[in-house]
Amino acid sequence: MTKKAINDLTIIVDSREQKPYKFKNSLVKKLDAGDYSILGLENQIAIERKNKSDAYGTIGNGRDRFIRELIRLESYKYKAIIIEASLSNFLIQPKFSKMNPKSAINSLISWSIKYNIHVLFGDNRRLSRILCLRILEKFYKEENK
């Protein structure tokens, strides 16, 4: 794969994403699942972005809706949840949440096994954006070999 081919990569940002990452070559449009994908490969790769509070909310009150999304993702070749926190920080209960951190991490582990979804901790927003970009680039390279 040449450098030019990576430059052909267009990242799709879901139009409902509230705090989207900024990428050089991106397009905003509605995705069926996830927050980020690749133009032309929208039904093969999806990355869901969550900050810590959002993740706890999804695991708690938003659980049923999120499980429906995980079921929609089952046929995708690659799917991931990137959490904008370190694992050690994630295990500190947010002030607003009544969810025990042990229950939260157990849900993520269970989902990763049951729905074959990668759960990645990006430490912070900046590093999570880079992680998201690198995953999309690597997937694009593999698909265009």
N, C-alpha and C. Protein backbone atom coordinates (compact mmCIF):
# COMPACT_ATOMS: atom_id res chain seq x y z
N MET A 1 0.84 -1.17 0.00
CA MET A 1 0.00 0.00 0.00
C MET A 1 0.89 1.23 0.00
N THR A 2 0.57 2.16 -0.83
CA THR A 2 1.38 3.37 -0.93
C THR A 2 0.84 4.45 0.00
N LYS A 3 1.67 5.45 0.22
CA LYS A 3 1.25 6.61 1.04
C LYS A 3 0.03 7.27 0.42
N LYS A 4 -0.01 7.34 -0.92
CA LYS A 4 -1.13 7.94 -1.62
C LYS A 4 -2.45 7.25 -1.25
N ALA A 5 -2.41 5.92 -1.13
CA ALA A 5 -3.64 5.19 -0.81
C ALA A 5 -4.19 5.60 0.55
N ILE A 6 -3.33 5.79 1.54
CA ILE A 6 -3.79 6.25 2.86
C ILE A 6 -4.40 7.64 2.72
N ASN A 7 -3.84 8.44 1.84
CA ASN A 7 -4.40 9.79 1.61
C ASN A 7 -5.79 9.73 1.00
N ASP A 8 -6.15 8.59 0.39
CA ASP A 8 -7.48 8.41 -0.19
C ASP A 8 -8.53 8.06 0.87
N LEU A 9 -8.09 7.76 2.07
CA LEU A 9 -8.99 7.39 3.16
C LEU A 9 -9.87 8.59 3.54
N THR A 10 -11.18 8.36 3.51
CA THR A 10 -12.13 9.37 3.99
C THR A 10 -12.84 8.80 5.20
N ILE A 11 -12.70 9.47 6.32
CA ILE A 11 -13.31 9.04 7.57
C ILE A 11 -14.72 9.61 7.65
N ILE A 12 -15.66 8.73 7.96
CA ILE A 12 -17.04 9.16 8.16
C ILE A 12 -17.25 9.43 9.64
N VAL A 13 -17.79 10.59 9.94
CA VAL A 13 -18.14 10.98 11.31
C VAL A 13 -19.67 11.01 11.37
N ASP A 14 -20.23 10.26 12.30
CA ASP A 14 -21.68 10.22 12.42
C ASP A 14 -22.24 11.61 12.70
N SER A 15 -23.30 11.96 12.00
CA SER A 15 -23.90 13.29 12.13
C SER A 15 -24.49 13.53 13.52
N ARG A 16 -24.70 12.49 14.30
CA ARG A 16 -25.25 12.64 15.66
C ARG A 16 -24.16 12.75 16.72
N GLU A 17 -22.90 12.60 16.31
CA GLU A 17 -21.78 12.68 17.26
C GLU A 17 -21.73 14.08 17.85
N GLN A 18 -21.80 14.18 19.17
CA GLN A 18 -21.92 15.48 19.84
C GLN A 18 -20.60 16.23 19.95
N LYS A 19 -19.50 15.51 20.15
CA LYS A 19 -18.19 16.15 20.25
C LYS A 19 -17.23 15.42 19.31
N PRO A 20 -17.41 15.60 18.00
CA PRO A 20 -16.64 14.80 17.05
C PRO A 20 -15.14 15.12 17.05
N TYR A 21 -14.36 14.07 16.78
CA TYR A 21 -12.95 14.27 16.54
C TYR A 21 -12.81 14.96 15.19
N LYS A 22 -11.77 15.73 15.05
CA LYS A 22 -11.49 16.39 13.78
C LYS A 22 -10.40 15.62 13.06
N PHE A 23 -10.66 15.29 11.80
CA PHE A 23 -9.70 14.59 10.96
C PHE A 23 -9.53 15.38 9.66
N LYS A 24 -8.37 15.28 9.07
CA LYS A 24 -8.06 16.04 7.85
C LYS A 24 -9.02 15.72 6.72
N ASN A 25 -9.26 14.45 6.48
CA ASN A 25 -10.11 14.05 5.37
C ASN A 25 -11.33 13.32 5.91
N SER A 26 -12.36 14.09 6.25
CA SER A 26 -13.54 13.48 6.86
C SER A 26 -14.82 14.02 6.23
N LEU A 27 -15.88 13.29 6.45
CA LEU A 27 -17.19 13.62 5.92
C LEU A 27 -18.21 13.32 7.02
N VAL A 28 -19.13 14.25 7.24
CA VAL A 28 -20.16 14.04 8.26
C VAL A 28 -21.41 13.49 7.58
N LYS A 29 -21.85 12.33 8.05
CA LYS A 29 -23.10 11.74 7.57
C LYS A 29 -23.60 10.75 8.60
N LYS A 30 -24.87 10.40 8.51
CA LYS A 30 -25.47 9.47 9.47
C LYS A 30 -24.94 8.06 9.24
N LEU A 31 -24.47 7.46 10.32
CA LEU A 31 -24.04 6.07 10.30
C LEU A 31 -25.11 5.20 10.95
N ASP A 32 -25.28 3.99 10.47
CA ASP A 32 -26.24 3.07 11.08
C ASP A 32 -25.81 2.64 12.47
N ALA A 33 -24.49 2.58 12.68
CA ALA A 33 -23.95 2.19 13.99
C ALA A 33 -22.57 2.82 14.15
N GLY A 34 -22.23 3.15 15.39
CA GLY A 34 -20.92 3.72 15.68
C GLY A 34 -20.85 5.21 15.39
N ASP A 35 -19.72 5.78 15.78
CA ASP A 35 -19.48 7.21 15.59
C ASP A 35 -18.52 7.50 14.45
N TYR A 36 -17.66 6.52 14.12
CA TYR A 36 -16.64 6.71 13.09
C TYR A 36 -16.56 5.46 12.22
N SER A 37 -16.34 5.69 10.93
CA SER A 37 -16.17 4.59 9.99
C SER A 37 -15.35 5.10 8.81
N ILE A 38 -15.36 4.34 7.73
CA ILE A 38 -14.60 4.67 6.53
C ILE A 38 -15.57 4.69 5.35
N LEU A 39 -15.46 5.72 4.52
CA LEU A 39 -16.31 5.84 3.34
C LEU A 39 -16.17 4.58 2.47
N GLY A 40 -17.30 3.97 2.17
CA GLY A 40 -17.32 2.75 1.38
C GLY A 40 -17.23 1.49 2.21
N LEU A 41 -16.87 1.62 3.46
CA LEU A 41 -16.73 0.46 4.35
C LEU A 41 -17.60 0.62 5.60
N GLU A 42 -18.64 1.43 5.48
CA GLU A 42 -19.48 1.78 6.63
C GLU A 42 -20.14 0.57 7.28
N ASN A 43 -20.34 -0.51 6.53
CA ASN A 43 -20.97 -1.70 7.11
C ASN A 43 -19.94 -2.76 7.49
N GLN A 44 -18.64 -2.36 7.52
CA GLN A 44 -17.58 -3.30 7.88
C GLN A 44 -16.79 -2.88 9.11
N ILE A 45 -16.73 -1.58 9.39
CA ILE A 45 -15.98 -1.09 10.55
C ILE A 45 -16.76 0.02 11.23
N ALA A 46 -16.78 -0.02 12.54
CA ALA A 46 -17.43 1.02 13.34
C ALA A 46 -16.66 1.21 14.64
N ILE A 47 -16.44 2.47 14.97
CA ILE A 47 -15.81 2.80 16.24
C ILE A 47 -16.76 3.70 17.01
N GLU A 48 -17.03 3.30 18.22
CA GLU A 48 -17.90 4.06 19.12
C GLU A 48 -17.01 4.80 20.10
N ARG A 49 -17.20 6.12 20.23
CA ARG A 49 -16.41 6.93 21.15
C ARG A 49 -17.24 7.22 22.40
N LYS A 50 -16.61 7.07 23.55
CA LYS A 50 -17.28 7.38 24.82
C LYS A 50 -16.31 8.10 25.75
N ASN A 51 -16.77 9.20 26.34
CA ASN A 51 -15.98 9.72 27.47
C ASN A 51 -16.41 8.90 28.69
N LYS A 52 -15.75 9.09 29.80
CA LYS A 52 -16.02 8.27 30.99
C LYS A 52 -17.47 8.38 31.44
N SER A 53 -17.98 9.59 31.55
CA SER A 53 -19.37 9.79 31.99
C SER A 53 -20.36 9.13 31.04
N ASP A 54 -20.11 9.32 29.75
CA ASP A 54 -20.95 8.73 28.71
C ASP A 54 -20.93 7.21 28.81
N ALA A 55 -19.76 6.65 29.04
CA ALA A 55 -19.64 5.19 29.15
C ALA A 55 -20.45 4.67 30.33
N TYR A 56 -20.33 5.31 31.47
CA TYR A 56 -21.11 4.89 32.64
C TYR A 56 -22.61 5.02 32.37
N GLY A 57 -23.01 6.09 31.70
CA GLY A 57 -24.42 6.26 31.36
C GLY A 57 -24.92 5.18 30.41
N THR A 58 -24.08 4.83 29.44
CA THR A 58 -24.44 3.78 28.48
C THR A 58 -24.57 2.43 29.16
N ILE A 59 -23.67 2.15 30.06
CA ILE A 59 -23.69 0.87 30.78
C ILE A 59 -24.89 0.80 31.72
N GLY A 60 -25.28 1.95 32.27
CA GLY A 60 -26.40 2.00 33.21
C GLY A 60 -27.73 2.24 32.51
N ASN A 61 -28.15 3.51 32.48
CA ASN A 61 -29.47 3.86 31.94
C ASN A 61 -29.63 3.59 30.44
N GLY A 62 -28.55 3.69 29.68
CA GLY A 62 -28.63 3.50 28.22
C GLY A 62 -28.33 2.08 27.78
N ARG A 63 -28.29 1.17 28.71
CA ARG A 63 -27.88 -0.20 28.45
C ARG A 63 -28.68 -0.88 27.34
N ASP A 64 -29.99 -0.86 27.41
CA ASP A 64 -30.82 -1.56 26.41
C ASP A 64 -30.59 -1.01 25.01
N ARG A 65 -30.53 0.30 24.88
CA ARG A 65 -30.29 0.92 23.57
C ARG A 65 -28.92 0.51 23.05
N PHE A 66 -27.91 0.52 23.91
CA PHE A 66 -26.56 0.21 23.47
C PHE A 66 -26.43 -1.27 23.09
N ILE A 67 -27.09 -2.15 23.80
CA ILE A 67 -27.06 -3.57 23.44
C ILE A 67 -27.69 -3.77 22.06
N ARG A 68 -28.75 -3.04 21.75
CA ARG A 68 -29.33 -3.11 20.40
C ARG A 68 -28.30 -2.69 19.35
N GLU A 69 -27.49 -1.67 19.67
CA GLU A 69 -26.44 -1.25 18.74
C GLU A 69 -25.38 -2.33 18.60
N LEU A 70 -24.99 -2.96 19.70
CA LEU A 70 -24.00 -4.04 19.64
C LEU A 70 -24.50 -5.20 18.77
N ILE A 71 -25.78 -5.49 18.86
CA ILE A 71 -26.38 -6.54 18.02
C ILE A 71 -26.32 -6.14 16.55
N ARG A 72 -26.59 -4.85 16.23
CA ARG A 72 -26.48 -4.37 14.85
C ARG A 72 -25.05 -4.51 14.32
N LEU A 73 -24.06 -4.41 15.21
CA LEU A 73 -22.65 -4.47 14.81
C LEU A 73 -22.12 -5.89 14.63
N GLU A 74 -22.90 -6.90 14.98
CA GLU A 74 -22.38 -8.28 14.97
C GLU A 74 -21.79 -8.69 13.62
N SER A 75 -22.33 -8.23 12.52
CA SER A 75 -21.84 -8.65 11.21
C SER A 75 -20.62 -7.85 10.73
N TYR A 76 -20.23 -6.82 11.45
CA TYR A 76 -19.10 -5.99 11.03
C TYR A 76 -17.79 -6.76 11.24
N LYS A 77 -16.82 -6.51 10.37
CA LYS A 77 -15.51 -7.15 10.51
C LYS A 77 -14.77 -6.63 11.74
N TYR A 78 -14.88 -5.34 11.99
CA TYR A 78 -14.16 -4.75 13.13
C TYR A 78 -15.07 -3.73 13.80
N LYS A 79 -15.14 -3.85 15.11
CA LYS A 79 -15.90 -2.87 15.90
C LYS A 79 -15.17 -2.64 17.21
N ALA A 80 -15.24 -1.40 17.67
CA ALA A 80 -14.52 -1.05 18.90
C ALA A 80 -15.25 0.04 19.64
N ILE A 81 -15.03 0.05 20.94
CA ILE A 81 -15.45 1.15 21.81
C ILE A 81 -14.15 1.75 22.32
N ILE A 82 -13.97 3.04 22.07
CA ILE A 82 -12.81 3.75 22.62
C ILE A 82 -13.32 4.62 23.75
N ILE A 83 -12.78 4.41 24.93
CA ILE A 83 -13.16 5.19 26.10
C ILE A 83 -12.05 6.19 26.40
N GLU A 84 -12.43 7.45 26.50
CA GLU A 84 -11.48 8.54 26.71
C GLU A 84 -11.07 8.64 28.18
N ALA A 85 -10.48 7.57 28.68
CA ALA A 85 -10.01 7.50 30.06
C ALA A 85 -9.02 6.35 30.15
N SER A 86 -8.15 6.41 31.13
CA SER A 86 -7.29 5.25 31.40
C SER A 86 -8.14 4.23 32.15
N LEU A 87 -7.70 3.00 32.16
CA LEU A 87 -8.43 1.97 32.90
C LEU A 87 -8.48 2.32 34.39
N SER A 88 -7.37 2.79 34.94
CA SER A 88 -7.37 3.13 36.38
C SER A 88 -8.31 4.30 36.67
N ASN A 89 -8.37 5.27 35.76
CA ASN A 89 -9.29 6.39 35.95
C ASN A 89 -10.74 5.93 35.78
N PHE A 90 -10.98 5.03 34.84
CA PHE A 90 -12.33 4.52 34.60
C PHE A 90 -12.87 3.81 35.84
N LEU A 91 -11.97 3.20 36.60
CA LEU A 91 -12.39 2.45 37.78
C LEU A 91 -12.65 3.34 39.00
N ILE A 92 -12.57 4.65 38.82
CA ILE A 92 -12.98 5.60 39.86
C ILE A 92 -14.40 6.05 39.51
N GLN A 93 -15.32 5.75 40.37
CA GLN A 93 -16.74 6.02 40.10
C GLN A 93 -16.99 7.51 39.89
N PRO A 94 -17.66 7.88 38.76
CA PRO A 94 -18.03 9.30 38.57
C PRO A 94 -18.99 9.75 39.67
N LYS A 95 -18.92 11.02 40.02
CA LYS A 95 -19.75 11.55 41.12
C LYS A 95 -21.24 11.35 40.90
N PHE A 96 -21.70 11.52 39.66
CA PHE A 96 -23.14 11.45 39.38
C PHE A 96 -23.65 10.01 39.32
N SER A 97 -22.76 9.05 39.15
CA SER A 97 -23.16 7.67 38.89
C SER A 97 -23.36 6.88 40.18
N LYS A 98 -24.37 6.03 40.16
CA LYS A 98 -24.59 5.11 41.27
C LYS A 98 -24.04 3.73 40.94
N MET A 99 -23.52 3.60 39.71
CA MET A 99 -23.00 2.31 39.28
C MET A 99 -21.64 2.03 39.89
N ASN A 100 -21.50 0.84 40.41
CA ASN A 100 -20.24 0.40 40.96
C ASN A 100 -19.24 0.19 39.80
N PRO A 101 -18.01 0.71 39.91
CA PRO A 101 -17.02 0.54 38.84
C PRO A 101 -16.77 -0.93 38.48
N LYS A 102 -16.85 -1.82 39.48
CA LYS A 102 -16.66 -3.25 39.21
C LYS A 102 -17.76 -3.75 38.26
N SER A 103 -18.98 -3.31 38.46
CA SER A 103 -20.08 -3.68 37.57
C SER A 103 -19.87 -3.10 36.18
N ALA A 104 -19.38 -1.86 36.13
CA ALA A 104 -19.15 -1.20 34.84
C ALA A 104 -18.11 -1.96 34.02
N ILE A 105 -16.97 -2.29 34.63
CA ILE A 105 -15.92 -2.98 33.89
C ILE A 105 -16.36 -4.40 33.54
N ASN A 106 -17.12 -5.04 34.42
CA ASN A 106 -17.63 -6.38 34.11
C ASN A 106 -18.57 -6.36 32.92
N SER A 107 -19.38 -5.32 32.80
CA SER A 107 -20.26 -5.19 31.62
C SER A 107 -19.44 -5.05 30.35
N LEU A 108 -18.41 -4.20 30.39
CA LEU A 108 -17.56 -4.02 29.21
C LEU A 108 -16.87 -5.32 28.80
N ILE A 109 -16.37 -6.06 29.78
CA ILE A 109 -15.70 -7.34 29.50
C ILE A 109 -16.71 -8.33 28.92
N SER A 110 -17.88 -8.38 29.50
CA SER A 110 -18.92 -9.28 29.02
C SER A 110 -19.30 -8.96 27.57
N TRP A 111 -19.50 -7.67 27.28
CA TRP A 111 -19.85 -7.26 25.91
C TRP A 111 -18.72 -7.58 24.93
N SER A 112 -17.48 -7.39 25.37
CA SER A 112 -16.36 -7.66 24.47
C SER A 112 -16.34 -9.13 24.06
N ILE A 113 -16.72 -10.01 24.97
CA ILE A 113 -16.75 -11.44 24.67
C ILE A 113 -18.01 -11.81 23.89
N LYS A 114 -19.15 -11.39 24.37
CA LYS A 114 -20.42 -11.78 23.76
C LYS A 114 -20.60 -11.21 22.35
N TYR A 115 -20.18 -9.95 22.15
CA TYR A 115 -20.40 -9.28 20.85
C TYR A 115 -19.11 -9.11 20.05
N ASN A 116 -18.02 -9.70 20.52
CA ASN A 116 -16.73 -9.64 19.83
C ASN A 116 -16.35 -8.19 19.48
N ILE A 117 -16.47 -7.31 20.46
CA ILE A 117 -16.14 -5.90 20.26
C ILE A 117 -14.91 -5.55 21.10
N HIS A 118 -13.99 -4.83 20.50
CA HIS A 118 -12.78 -4.40 21.21
C HIS A 118 -13.13 -3.23 22.12
N VAL A 119 -12.70 -3.29 23.36
CA VAL A 119 -12.88 -2.18 24.30
C VAL A 119 -11.48 -1.64 24.59
N LEU A 120 -11.27 -0.38 24.20
CA LEU A 120 -9.95 0.23 24.31
C LEU A 120 -10.02 1.48 25.18
N PHE A 121 -9.03 1.64 26.02
CA PHE A 121 -8.96 2.82 26.87
C PHE A 121 -7.88 3.73 26.30
N GLY A 122 -8.30 4.93 25.88
CA GLY A 122 -7.40 5.85 25.19
C GLY A 122 -6.73 6.87 26.10
N ASP A 123 -6.93 6.78 27.38
CA ASP A 123 -6.30 7.65 28.37
C ASP A 123 -6.91 9.04 28.43
N ASN A 124 -7.03 9.72 27.30
CA ASN A 124 -7.62 11.06 27.25
C ASN A 124 -8.17 11.30 25.85
N ARG A 125 -8.78 12.43 25.64
CA ARG A 125 -9.41 12.72 24.35
C ARG A 125 -8.39 12.76 23.21
N ARG A 126 -7.27 13.41 23.42
CA ARG A 126 -6.26 13.55 22.36
C ARG A 126 -5.73 12.18 21.94
N LEU A 127 -5.35 11.36 22.90
CA LEU A 127 -4.83 10.04 22.58
C LEU A 127 -5.90 9.12 22.01
N SER A 128 -7.12 9.28 22.44
CA SER A 128 -8.23 8.47 21.90
C SER A 128 -8.48 8.81 20.44
N ARG A 129 -8.37 10.09 20.09
CA ARG A 129 -8.50 10.51 18.68
C ARG A 129 -7.42 9.85 17.83
N ILE A 130 -6.18 9.86 18.32
CA ILE A 130 -5.08 9.24 17.58
C ILE A 130 -5.31 7.74 17.44
N LEU A 131 -5.76 7.10 18.50
CA LEU A 131 -6.06 5.67 18.47
C LEU A 131 -7.14 5.37 17.43
N CYS A 132 -8.18 6.17 17.41
CA CYS A 132 -9.26 6.02 16.44
C CYS A 132 -8.71 6.13 15.01
N LEU A 133 -7.92 7.15 14.76
CA LEU A 133 -7.34 7.37 13.44
C LEU A 133 -6.46 6.19 13.02
N ARG A 134 -5.60 5.72 13.90
CA ARG A 134 -4.69 4.61 13.57
C ARG A 134 -5.46 3.33 13.26
N ILE A 135 -6.51 3.06 14.00
CA ILE A 135 -7.34 1.87 13.73
C ILE A 135 -7.96 1.98 12.34
N LEU A 136 -8.54 3.14 12.05
CA LEU A 136 -9.17 3.32 10.74
C LEU A 136 -8.15 3.19 9.61
N GLU A 137 -6.96 3.76 9.80
CA GLU A 137 -5.91 3.64 8.78
C GLU A 137 -5.49 2.19 8.57
N LYS A 138 -5.25 1.47 9.65
CA LYS A 138 -4.81 0.07 9.55
C LYS A 138 -5.89 -0.80 8.89
N PHE A 139 -7.14 -0.58 9.25
CA PHE A 139 -8.23 -1.35 8.64
C PHE A 139 -8.30 -1.05 7.14
N TYR A 140 -8.20 0.21 6.79
CA TYR A 140 -8.23 0.64 5.38
C TYR A 140 -7.09 -0.02 4.60
N LYS A 141 -5.89 -0.03 5.17
CA LYS A 141 -4.74 -0.67 4.51
C LYS A 141 -5.00 -2.16 4.28
N GLU A 142 -5.52 -2.84 5.29
CA GLU A 142 -5.79 -4.27 5.17
C GLU A 142 -6.84 -4.55 4.08
N GLU A 143 -7.85 -3.72 4.01
CA GLU A 143 -8.92 -3.92 3.04
C GLU A 143 -8.47 -3.59 1.61
N ASN A 144 -7.39 -2.84 1.46
CA ASN A 144 -6.93 -2.43 0.14
C ASN A 144 -5.62 -3.08 -0.28
N LYS A 145 -5.29 -4.21 0.33
CA LYS A 145 -4.08 -4.95 -0.05
C LYS A 145 -4.26 -5.60 -1.40
